[in-house]
Protein backbone atom coordinates (compact mmCIF):
# COMPACT_ATOMS: atom_id res chain seq x y z
CA MET A 1 0.00 0.00 0.00
CA ASP A 2 1.00 3.66 -0.29
CA ALA A 3 2.76 5.30 2.63
CA GLY A 4 0.36 6.52 5.30
CA PHE A 5 -2.14 3.69 4.90
CA GLN A 6 -1.47 0.83 7.30
CA VAL A 7 -3.96 -1.99 7.44
CA LYS A 8 -4.82 -3.03 10.97
CA ARG A 9 -4.81 -6.79 11.38
CA SER A 10 -4.45 -7.23 15.14
CA ALA A 11 -8.11 -8.09 15.54
CA THR A 12 -7.64 -11.03 13.18
CA ARG A 13 -4.95 -12.57 15.39
CA LEU A 14 -7.12 -12.25 18.51
CA CYS A 15 -9.94 -14.38 17.11
CA SER A 16 -10.68 -17.43 19.24
CA MET A 17 -10.60 -20.91 17.71
CA GLU A 18 -14.37 -20.99 17.99
CA ALA A 19 -14.70 -17.68 16.16
CA ILE A 20 -12.27 -18.89 13.50
CA GLY A 21 -14.41 -21.97 12.98
CA ARG A 22 -17.53 -19.86 12.59
CA HIS A 23 -15.67 -17.47 10.30
CA ARG A 24 -14.46 -20.30 8.07
CA GLY A 25 -17.96 -21.68 7.84
CA MET A 26 -19.38 -18.33 6.83
CA ARG A 27 -16.53 -17.77 4.37
CA MET A 28 -17.44 -21.06 2.71
CA PHE A 29 -21.08 -19.98 2.55
CA VAL A 30 -20.29 -16.53 1.15
CA ALA A 31 -17.79 -17.95 -1.33
CA ALA A 32 -20.37 -20.48 -2.50
CA PHE A 33 -22.96 -17.72 -2.83
CA GLY A 34 -20.46 -15.68 -4.83
CA ALA A 35 -19.82 -18.65 -7.11
CA VAL A 36 -23.56 -18.90 -7.79
CA LEU A 37 -23.66 -15.20 -8.68
CA LEU A 38 -20.76 -15.68 -11.06
CA LEU A 39 -22.43 -18.63 -12.75
CA LEU A 40 -25.64 -16.65 -13.20
CA SER A 41 -23.78 -13.74 -14.78
CA PRO A 42 -23.89 -13.87 -18.59
CA VAL A 43 -20.33 -12.56 -18.86
CA ALA A 44 -18.42 -13.43 -15.70
CA VAL A 45 -16.65 -16.73 -16.21
CA VAL A 46 -13.92 -18.15 -13.96
CA ARG A 47 -11.47 -20.02 -16.16
CA ALA A 48 -9.75 -23.20 -15.07
CA GLY A 49 -6.52 -22.52 -13.23
CA GLU A 50 -7.38 -18.90 -12.43
CA PRO A 51 -7.87 -17.70 -8.83
CA VAL A 52 -11.48 -17.14 -7.79
CA PRO A 53 -12.22 -13.39 -7.61
CA LEU A 54 -13.01 -11.73 -4.33
CA LEU A 55 -16.71 -11.15 -3.70
CA ALA A 56 -17.81 -7.72 -2.52
CA TYR A 57 -21.24 -8.58 -1.12
CA ALA A 58 -22.31 -5.49 0.86
CA ALA A 59 -21.50 -1.79 1.07
CA ARG A 60 -22.67 1.44 2.65
CA ILE A 61 -21.72 5.11 2.65
CA ALA A 62 -22.45 7.90 5.13
CA GLY A 63 -21.30 11.43 5.82
CA ASP A 64 -21.43 15.00 4.60
CA ASP A 65 -19.36 17.41 2.52
CA ALA A 66 -16.66 17.55 5.22
CA ARG A 67 -16.23 13.86 6.11
CA THR A 68 -17.49 10.70 4.44
CA ARG A 69 -17.10 7.03 5.42
CA LEU A 70 -17.34 4.18 2.91
CA VAL A 71 -17.53 0.52 4.00
CA ILE A 72 -17.34 -2.52 1.72
CA GLU A 73 -17.60 -6.13 2.91
CA PHE A 74 -15.73 -8.97 1.17
CA ASP A 75 -15.79 -12.74 1.47
CA ARG A 76 -12.00 -12.75 1.88
CA GLU A 77 -9.37 -10.29 3.08
CA PRO A 78 -8.70 -7.77 0.29
CA ALA A 79 -5.35 -6.22 -0.50
CA PHE A 80 -5.80 -2.62 -1.63
CA SER A 81 -3.96 0.56 -2.54
CA ILE A 82 -5.14 4.16 -2.67
CA HIS A 83 -4.16 6.83 -5.19
CA TYR A 84 -5.30 10.26 -6.28
CA VAL A 85 -6.01 11.87 -9.65
CA ALA A 86 -6.65 15.53 -10.42
CA ASN A 87 -8.77 17.37 -12.98
CA PRO A 88 -11.28 16.23 -11.89
CA VAL A 89 -10.42 15.06 -8.37
CA ARG A 90 -10.76 11.31 -7.98
CA VAL A 91 -9.80 8.85 -5.25
CA ILE A 92 -8.72 5.51 -6.74
CA VAL A 93 -8.93 2.27 -4.74
CA ASP A 94 -7.21 -0.61 -6.54
CA LEU A 95 -8.19 -4.17 -5.61
CA PRO A 96 -7.47 -7.71 -6.78
CA GLU A 97 -10.02 -9.09 -9.24
CA THR A 98 -13.40 -8.67 -7.56
CA SER A 99 -16.96 -9.67 -8.34
CA PHE A 100 -19.19 -6.82 -7.15
CA GLY A 101 -22.42 -8.40 -5.92
CA LEU A 102 -23.67 -5.10 -4.51
CA LYS A 103 -27.15 -3.65 -4.56
CA PRO A 104 -27.07 -0.56 -6.83
CA GLU A 105 -28.51 1.61 -4.08
CA SER A 106 -25.82 0.63 -1.56
CA LEU A 107 -23.16 2.95 -3.01
CA GLN A 108 -25.09 5.99 -4.18
CA PRO A 109 -23.03 9.23 -4.34
CA ARG A 110 -23.06 11.07 -1.04
CA GLY A 111 -21.07 13.57 0.97
CA LEU A 112 -17.68 14.23 -0.59
CA PHE A 113 -18.36 12.06 -3.62
CA ASP A 114 -20.46 13.02 -6.65
CA ALA A 115 -20.04 9.71 -8.48
CA ILE A 116 -18.95 6.18 -7.53
CA ARG A 117 -17.95 3.52 -10.04
CA TYR A 118 -16.51 0.05 -9.63
CA GLY A 119 -15.60 -2.88 -11.84
CA GLY A 120 -12.86 -4.90 -13.50
CA MET A 121 -9.68 -3.42 -14.95
CA GLY A 122 -8.25 -6.52 -16.63
CA ALA A 123 -5.08 -8.43 -15.64
CA GLY A 124 -6.74 -9.80 -12.49
CA ALA A 125 -7.43 -6.31 -11.11
CA SER A 126 -10.50 -4.31 -10.14
CA ARG A 127 -10.98 -0.69 -9.19
CA LEU A 128 -13.21 1.64 -7.21
CA VAL A 129 -13.28 5.22 -8.51
CA LEU A 130 -14.64 7.91 -6.18
CA SER A 131 -15.21 11.21 -7.99
CA ALA A 132 -14.90 13.96 -5.38
CA ASN A 133 -16.45 17.43 -5.41
CA GLY A 134 -13.22 19.00 -4.17
CA PRO A 135 -9.73 18.17 -2.83
CA THR A 136 -10.14 15.03 -0.73
CA GLU A 137 -7.87 12.70 1.26
CA VAL A 138 -8.47 9.23 2.67
CA THR A 139 -7.23 9.82 6.21
CA HIS A 140 -7.95 6.35 7.54
CA ALA A 141 -8.04 2.99 5.75
CA GLU A 142 -8.50 -0.30 7.56
CA VAL A 143 -9.34 -3.94 6.85
CA LYS A 144 -10.79 -5.94 9.73
CA PRO A 145 -12.89 -9.08 10.20
CA VAL A 146 -16.66 -8.68 10.17
CA GLU A 147 -17.94 -9.21 13.70
CA ASP A 148 -20.25 -12.10 12.85
CA GLY A 149 -17.54 -13.88 10.86
CA LYS A 150 -18.95 -13.27 7.37
CA GLY A 151 -15.69 -12.04 5.88
CA PHE A 152 -13.65 -8.84 5.97
CA ARG A 153 -14.61 -5.19 6.00
CA LEU A 154 -12.74 -2.41 4.20
CA VAL A 155 -13.32 0.94 5.92
CA LEU A 156 -12.31 4.20 4.21
CA ASP A 157 -12.64 7.57 5.94
CA ALA A 158 -12.25 10.61 3.69
CA GLU A 159 -12.00 14.30 4.57
CA ARG A 160 -12.06 17.57 2.67
CA ILE A 161 -8.58 19.10 2.51
CA GLY A 162 -6.96 22.20 1.07
CA GLN A 163 -5.64 22.38 -2.48
CA ASP A 164 -2.03 22.66 -1.27
CA ARG A 165 -2.36 19.43 0.70
CA PHE A 166 -3.94 17.66 -2.28
CA ASP A 167 -1.18 18.86 -4.61
CA LYS A 168 1.35 17.44 -2.14
CA LEU A 169 -0.43 14.06 -2.17
CA LEU A 170 -0.25 14.01 -5.96
CA ALA A 171 3.44 14.91 -5.96
CA GLU A 172 4.42 12.33 -3.33
CA GLN A 173 2.49 9.29 -4.54
CA GLN A 174 4.47 6.65 -6.44
CA TRP A 175 1.84 5.94 -9.07
CA THR A 176 1.69 6.63 -12.78
CA GLY A 177 -1.91 5.61 -13.36
CA THR A 178 -0.82 2.96 -15.86
CA VAL A 179 -3.54 0.47 -16.72
CA PRO A 180 -2.58 -3.20 -16.35
CA SER A 181 -2.39 -5.04 -19.64
CA ALA A 182 -5.68 -6.74 -20.41
CA LYS A 183 -5.76 -10.39 -19.40
CA THR A 184 -6.53 -12.31 -22.55
CA ASP A 185 -5.38 -15.39 -24.39
CA ARG A 186 -3.64 -13.26 -27.03
CA PRO A 187 0.13 -13.75 -27.23
CA ALA A 188 2.26 -10.74 -26.28
CA ALA A 189 3.34 -10.39 -29.91
CA ALA A 190 0.64 -11.59 -32.29
CA PRO A 191 1.87 -13.43 -35.38
CA PRO A 192 1.61 -11.45 -38.61
CA PRO A 193 -1.53 -12.13 -40.65
CA LYS A 194 -1.33 -14.66 -43.45
CA ALA A 195 -0.56 -13.27 -46.88
CA GLY A 196 -3.71 -12.07 -48.59
CA VAL A 197 -5.82 -12.23 -45.42
CA PHE A 198 -7.95 -9.16 -44.66
CA VAL A 199 -7.81 -8.57 -40.89
CA VAL A 200 -10.73 -6.88 -39.12
CA ALA A 201 -10.61 -5.72 -35.49
CA ILE A 202 -14.01 -5.70 -33.78
CA ASP A 203 -14.03 -3.55 -30.67
CA ALA A 204 -16.84 -4.07 -28.14
CA GLY A 205 -17.21 -0.65 -26.55
CA HIS A 206 -16.81 -0.12 -22.81
CA GLY A 207 -16.24 -3.03 -20.39
CA GLY A 208 -15.26 -3.71 -16.79
CA ILE A 209 -15.52 -0.62 -14.62
CA ASP A 210 -16.81 1.35 -17.63
CA THR A 211 -20.38 0.07 -17.98
CA GLY A 212 -21.35 2.49 -20.73
CA ALA A 213 -25.00 3.50 -21.12
CA ILE A 214 -27.86 1.89 -19.19
CA GLY A 215 -31.06 0.65 -20.84
CA GLY A 216 -34.13 2.72 -20.03
CA VAL A 217 -36.46 -0.28 -19.61
CA THR A 218 -34.32 -3.30 -18.78
CA LYS A 219 -31.39 -1.43 -17.17
CA THR A 220 -29.07 -3.55 -19.33
CA GLU A 221 -25.52 -2.20 -19.42
CA GLU A 222 -24.10 -1.16 -22.78
CA LYS A 223 -20.88 -3.12 -22.22
CA HIS A 224 -22.84 -6.40 -22.34
CA VAL A 225 -24.84 -5.36 -25.43
CA THR A 226 -21.69 -4.45 -27.37
CA LEU A 227 -19.85 -7.64 -26.43
CA ALA A 228 -22.78 -9.87 -27.41
CA PHE A 229 -23.02 -8.20 -30.82
CA ALA A 230 -19.24 -8.13 -31.34
CA LYS A 231 -19.02 -11.88 -30.75
CA GLU A 232 -21.82 -12.49 -33.24
CA LEU A 233 -20.13 -10.26 -35.80
CA VAL A 234 -16.70 -11.88 -35.45
CA GLU A 235 -18.22 -15.32 -35.91
CA ARG A 236 -20.04 -14.14 -39.03
CA LEU A 237 -16.99 -12.40 -40.51
CA ASN A 238 -14.82 -15.45 -39.98
CA HIS A 239 -17.11 -17.35 -42.36
CA GLU A 240 -16.35 -14.82 -45.10
CA PRO A 241 -13.62 -15.93 -47.54
CA GLY A 242 -10.35 -14.03 -47.14
CA ILE A 243 -11.38 -12.33 -43.89
CA GLU A 244 -9.98 -12.92 -40.40
CA ALA A 245 -11.76 -11.09 -37.58
CA PHE A 246 -10.89 -10.86 -33.89
CA LEU A 247 -12.16 -9.16 -30.73
CA THR A 248 -10.20 -6.47 -28.91
CA ARG A 249 -11.82 -7.80 -25.71
CA GLU A 250 -13.36 -11.23 -25.26
CA ARG A 251 -14.85 -10.79 -21.79
CA ASP A 252 -16.11 -8.13 -19.39
CA GLU A 253 -12.82 -6.28 -18.90
CA PHE A 254 -11.65 -2.70 -19.15
CA LEU A 255 -9.43 -1.59 -22.02
CA SER A 256 -8.26 2.00 -22.31
CA LEU A 257 -8.94 3.79 -25.58
CA PRO A 258 -5.24 3.80 -26.56
CA GLN A 259 -5.05 0.07 -25.77
CA ARG A 260 -7.87 -0.65 -28.21
CA VAL A 261 -6.09 1.25 -30.97
CA GLN A 262 -2.79 -0.42 -30.13
CA ILE A 263 -4.28 -3.92 -30.27
CA ALA A 264 -5.71 -3.26 -33.73
CA ARG A 265 -2.41 -1.94 -35.03
CA GLN A 266 -0.33 -4.73 -33.49
CA ARG A 267 -2.50 -7.32 -35.20
CA GLY A 268 -1.97 -5.69 -38.59
CA SER A 269 -5.65 -4.83 -38.94
CA ASN A 270 -7.03 -3.62 -42.25
CA LEU A 271 -10.19 -2.33 -40.58
CA PHE A 272 -11.30 -1.33 -37.08
CA ILE A 273 -14.98 -1.29 -36.09
CA SER A 274 -15.93 -0.07 -32.60
CA VAL A 275 -19.45 -1.13 -31.54
CA HIS A 276 -21.64 1.00 -29.24
CA ALA A 277 -25.25 1.50 -28.12
CA ASP A 278 -25.57 4.83 -26.35
CA THR A 279 -28.39 6.77 -24.70
CA LEU A 280 -29.82 10.20 -25.47
CA ARG A 281 -31.99 12.63 -23.54
CA GLN A 282 -34.30 12.66 -26.57
CA LYS A 283 -35.81 9.20 -26.09
CA GLU A 284 -37.72 9.39 -29.37
CA ILE A 285 -34.49 9.27 -31.43
CA ARG A 286 -33.62 5.81 -32.65
CA GLY A 287 -31.68 4.00 -35.35
CA ALA A 288 -28.11 3.10 -36.29
CA THR A 289 -25.35 5.64 -36.98
CA VAL A 290 -21.85 5.25 -38.44
CA TYR A 291 -19.17 7.68 -37.26
CA THR A 292 -15.75 8.50 -38.68
CA ILE A 293 -13.06 10.69 -37.13
CA SER A 294 -12.59 14.39 -37.84
CA ASP A 295 -11.22 17.45 -36.11
CA LYS A 296 -14.62 19.14 -36.26
CA ALA A 297 -17.91 17.43 -35.42
CA SER A 298 -20.60 17.17 -38.07
CA ASP A 299 -23.29 18.26 -35.59
CA HIS A 300 -24.04 18.78 -31.90
CA LEU A 301 -25.21 15.19 -31.42
CA ALA A 302 -21.93 13.81 -32.78
CA ALA A 303 -19.91 16.26 -30.68
CA ASP A 304 -21.76 15.34 -27.48
CA LEU A 305 -21.43 11.62 -28.16
CA ALA A 306 -17.70 11.88 -28.86
CA ALA A 307 -17.18 13.88 -25.68
CA ARG A 308 -18.92 11.18 -23.65
CA GLU A 309 -17.13 8.29 -25.32
CA ASN A 310 -13.79 10.03 -24.83
CA LEU A 311 -14.43 10.05 -21.05
CA SER A 312 -14.03 6.26 -20.84
CA ASP A 313 -10.49 6.43 -19.45
CA GLU A 314 -11.43 9.18 -17.01
CA ILE A 315 -14.30 7.04 -15.71
CA ALA A 316 -11.79 4.29 -14.95
CA GLY A 317 -9.55 6.69 -13.04
CA ILE A 318 -6.82 6.97 -15.67
CA PRO A 319 -5.02 10.33 -15.87
CA LEU A 320 -5.36 11.81 -19.33
CA GLU A 321 -2.09 12.30 -21.17
CA SER A 322 -1.09 14.52 -24.08
CA GLU A 323 -1.83 13.02 -27.45
CA PRO A 324 1.14 11.60 -29.35
CA ALA A 325 2.29 13.79 -32.25
CA GLU A 326 0.90 11.42 -34.88
CA VAL A 327 -2.51 11.48 -33.20
CA ALA A 328 -2.51 15.25 -32.99
CA ASP A 329 -1.79 15.29 -36.71
CA ILE A 330 -4.94 13.27 -37.36
CA LEU A 331 -7.22 15.32 -35.14
CA ILE A 332 -5.95 18.74 -36.19
CA ASP A 333 -4.31 18.57 -39.59
CA LEU A 334 -5.79 15.33 -40.98
CA THR A 335 -2.45 14.56 -42.60
CA ARG A 336 -3.38 10.92 -43.06
CA ARG A 337 -6.04 11.69 -45.64
CA GLU A 338 -5.76 8.31 -47.31
CA THR A 339 -6.79 6.51 -44.12
CA GLN A 340 -9.57 9.04 -43.65
CA ALA A 341 -10.86 8.43 -47.17
CA PHE A 342 -10.88 4.67 -46.61
CA SER A 343 -12.80 5.15 -43.35
CA VAL A 344 -15.43 7.20 -45.18
CA ASN A 345 -15.70 4.52 -47.88
CA LEU A 346 -16.29 1.89 -45.20
CA ALA A 347 -18.96 4.04 -43.54
CA ARG A 348 -20.75 4.44 -46.87
CA SER A 349 -20.59 0.69 -47.51
CA VAL A 350 -22.12 -0.03 -44.09
CA ILE A 351 -24.92 2.48 -44.57
CA SER A 352 -25.65 1.12 -48.04
CA SER A 353 -25.97 -2.36 -46.55
CA PHE A 354 -28.26 -1.16 -43.74
CA GLU A 355 -30.60 1.01 -45.85
CA GLY A 356 -34.05 -0.51 -46.17
CA GLN A 357 -33.10 -3.35 -43.80
CA ILE A 358 -32.83 -1.74 -40.37
CA LYS A 359 -33.76 1.62 -38.87
CA LEU A 360 -31.18 4.36 -39.46
CA ILE A 361 -30.94 7.75 -37.77
CA ASN A 362 -31.39 10.83 -39.98
CA ASN A 363 -28.08 11.57 -41.72
CA PRO A 364 -26.58 8.24 -40.61
CA HIS A 365 -22.95 9.07 -41.52
CA ARG A 366 -21.59 11.56 -39.01
CA HIS A 367 -18.15 12.47 -37.74
CA ALA A 368 -16.37 13.83 -34.65
CA GLY A 369 -13.10 13.53 -32.73
CA PHE A 370 -13.45 10.03 -31.29
CA ARG A 371 -10.20 8.99 -29.59
CA VAL A 372 -10.86 5.30 -30.28
CA LEU A 373 -10.71 6.00 -34.04
CA GLN A 374 -7.23 7.53 -33.92
CA ALA A 375 -5.18 4.75 -35.55
CA PRO A 376 -3.23 6.62 -38.24
CA ASP A 377 -2.92 3.60 -40.52
CA VAL A 378 -6.13 1.60 -39.92
CA PRO A 379 -9.43 2.75 -41.49
CA SER A 380 -11.81 2.97 -38.54
CA VAL A 381 -15.49 3.55 -37.85
CA LEU A 382 -17.63 3.71 -34.73
CA LEU A 383 -20.99 1.98 -35.16
CA GLU A 384 -23.90 3.02 -32.96
CA LEU A 385 -26.26 0.08 -33.31
CA GLY A 386 -29.09 2.07 -31.77
CA PHE A 387 -29.99 3.82 -28.54
CA LEU A 388 -30.70 2.10 -25.24
CA SER A 389 -32.75 5.18 -24.31
CA ASN A 390 -35.35 4.26 -26.95
CA LYS A 391 -37.57 1.34 -25.99
CA GLU A 392 -37.87 0.02 -29.57
CA ASP A 393 -34.11 0.12 -30.10
CA GLU A 394 -33.48 -1.41 -26.69
CA LYS A 395 -35.79 -4.32 -27.49
CA GLN A 396 -33.99 -4.97 -30.78
CA LEU A 397 -30.52 -4.68 -29.25
CA LEU A 398 -31.39 -7.48 -26.83
CA ASP A 399 -32.87 -9.71 -29.55
CA ALA A 400 -30.52 -12.45 -30.78
CA GLU A 401 -32.22 -12.72 -34.18
CA TRP A 402 -31.90 -8.98 -34.77
CA ARG A 403 -28.20 -9.09 -33.85
CA LYS A 404 -27.71 -11.97 -36.27
CA LYS A 405 -29.43 -10.04 -39.07
CA VAL A 406 -27.36 -6.90 -38.50
CA SER A 407 -24.09 -8.83 -38.25
CA THR A 408 -24.86 -10.45 -41.61
CA LEU A 409 -25.55 -7.04 -43.19
CA LEU A 410 -22.35 -5.66 -41.69
CA ALA A 411 -20.29 -8.63 -42.86
CA ASP A 412 -21.62 -8.06 -46.39
CA ALA A 413 -20.53 -4.41 -46.17
CA VAL A 414 -17.04 -5.38 -45.00
CA GLN A 415 -16.71 -7.94 -47.80
CA ARG A 416 -17.73 -5.36 -50.41
CA TYR A 417 -15.20 -2.93 -48.98
CA ARG A 418 -12.51 -5.63 -49.05
CA ASN A 419 -13.31 -6.58 -52.64
CA SER A 420 -13.05 -2.95 -53.70
CA ALA A 421 -9.73 -2.54 -51.86
CA VAL A 422 -8.31 -5.69 -53.46
CA ALA A 423 -9.48 -4.60 -56.91
CA ASN A 424 -7.68 -1.29 -56.42
CA GLY A 425 -4.48 -2.92 -55.23
CA GLY A 426 -5.11 -2.37 -51.50
């Protein structure tokens, strides 16, 4: 842990043998209950040989805008570390891989914190991100056994502090904010694609701690909708001659926006398609949209959507860094016009395939400065399948037959694009 945060464990050593026996029994019960929750989850799968995640099974928060206490109960003793991020102020609590079986109402924003998010970060790690409404310090952090032997309790006490004190915390902490590499079955260095194979990267938007949008009727999280469709699309594309498709993420895990771009480039991708299903305040708006990158948004809707999507890393508690020079060139000067032109061609092919088959938004090809579309050498589009804020779209997005139909239409569009590229020597 960081300096200044010592976990108190003396109470653990003072447990009587009888209490230990009761504690072990309850741990077995809670662990078994956690396993049932994991099995019921459509996306959480414990693979053979991997350690079972911690289970966070209860939580509560209390306090005001001067002091706030947060308590989370686990089935086993959690290791943790605490860090701070500025602009905006966030308190980061890093944990081992954890399954959060918490009631949504148990960690509602309160006191010092305007927003609270939690979830997986990949590489066997999870994270709690506390967005504060001003400079804040965790002045006390403790792990101790739950009195009735049901596991361990993490107690965090936070206080409002001055800006000078917060700046000192930032300067003294030994933490870069680096995201762990995503835990996947991909080799560290992927083999080059076979000669003549057209490689397509399918990126399921959001994941892990970044849930994305929430369905208005079913409360389904966008990260699950995008992964279900992405898997369907990859399977369909891999039946197309000459095409090899892969997923940037294969499970419910967090990937930063630069990681997604990097994965596509490392695999020698010829195309990159990022799949999303957002929400809008205007619930009557529905239909699919295809976005390409540009330095200036085509309209207010595209600008607002790009701004929200670009917050993904901030939501996960990752400090934003300056854009690399080559990325700045794309967003400002558009020096890689060839890649841009190919992206536009792909967008037109997708829209042509969708027209008359599924509902499209008015002016379905739009553009804005999406960070996930920044690969300088990979034609890229962001596909909004529809809006979870619209009940008709939400119903379709959760329908397996509809997903199958759309993936077939999209595969046809990709194949047409590939055929055109091959015919023109690409």
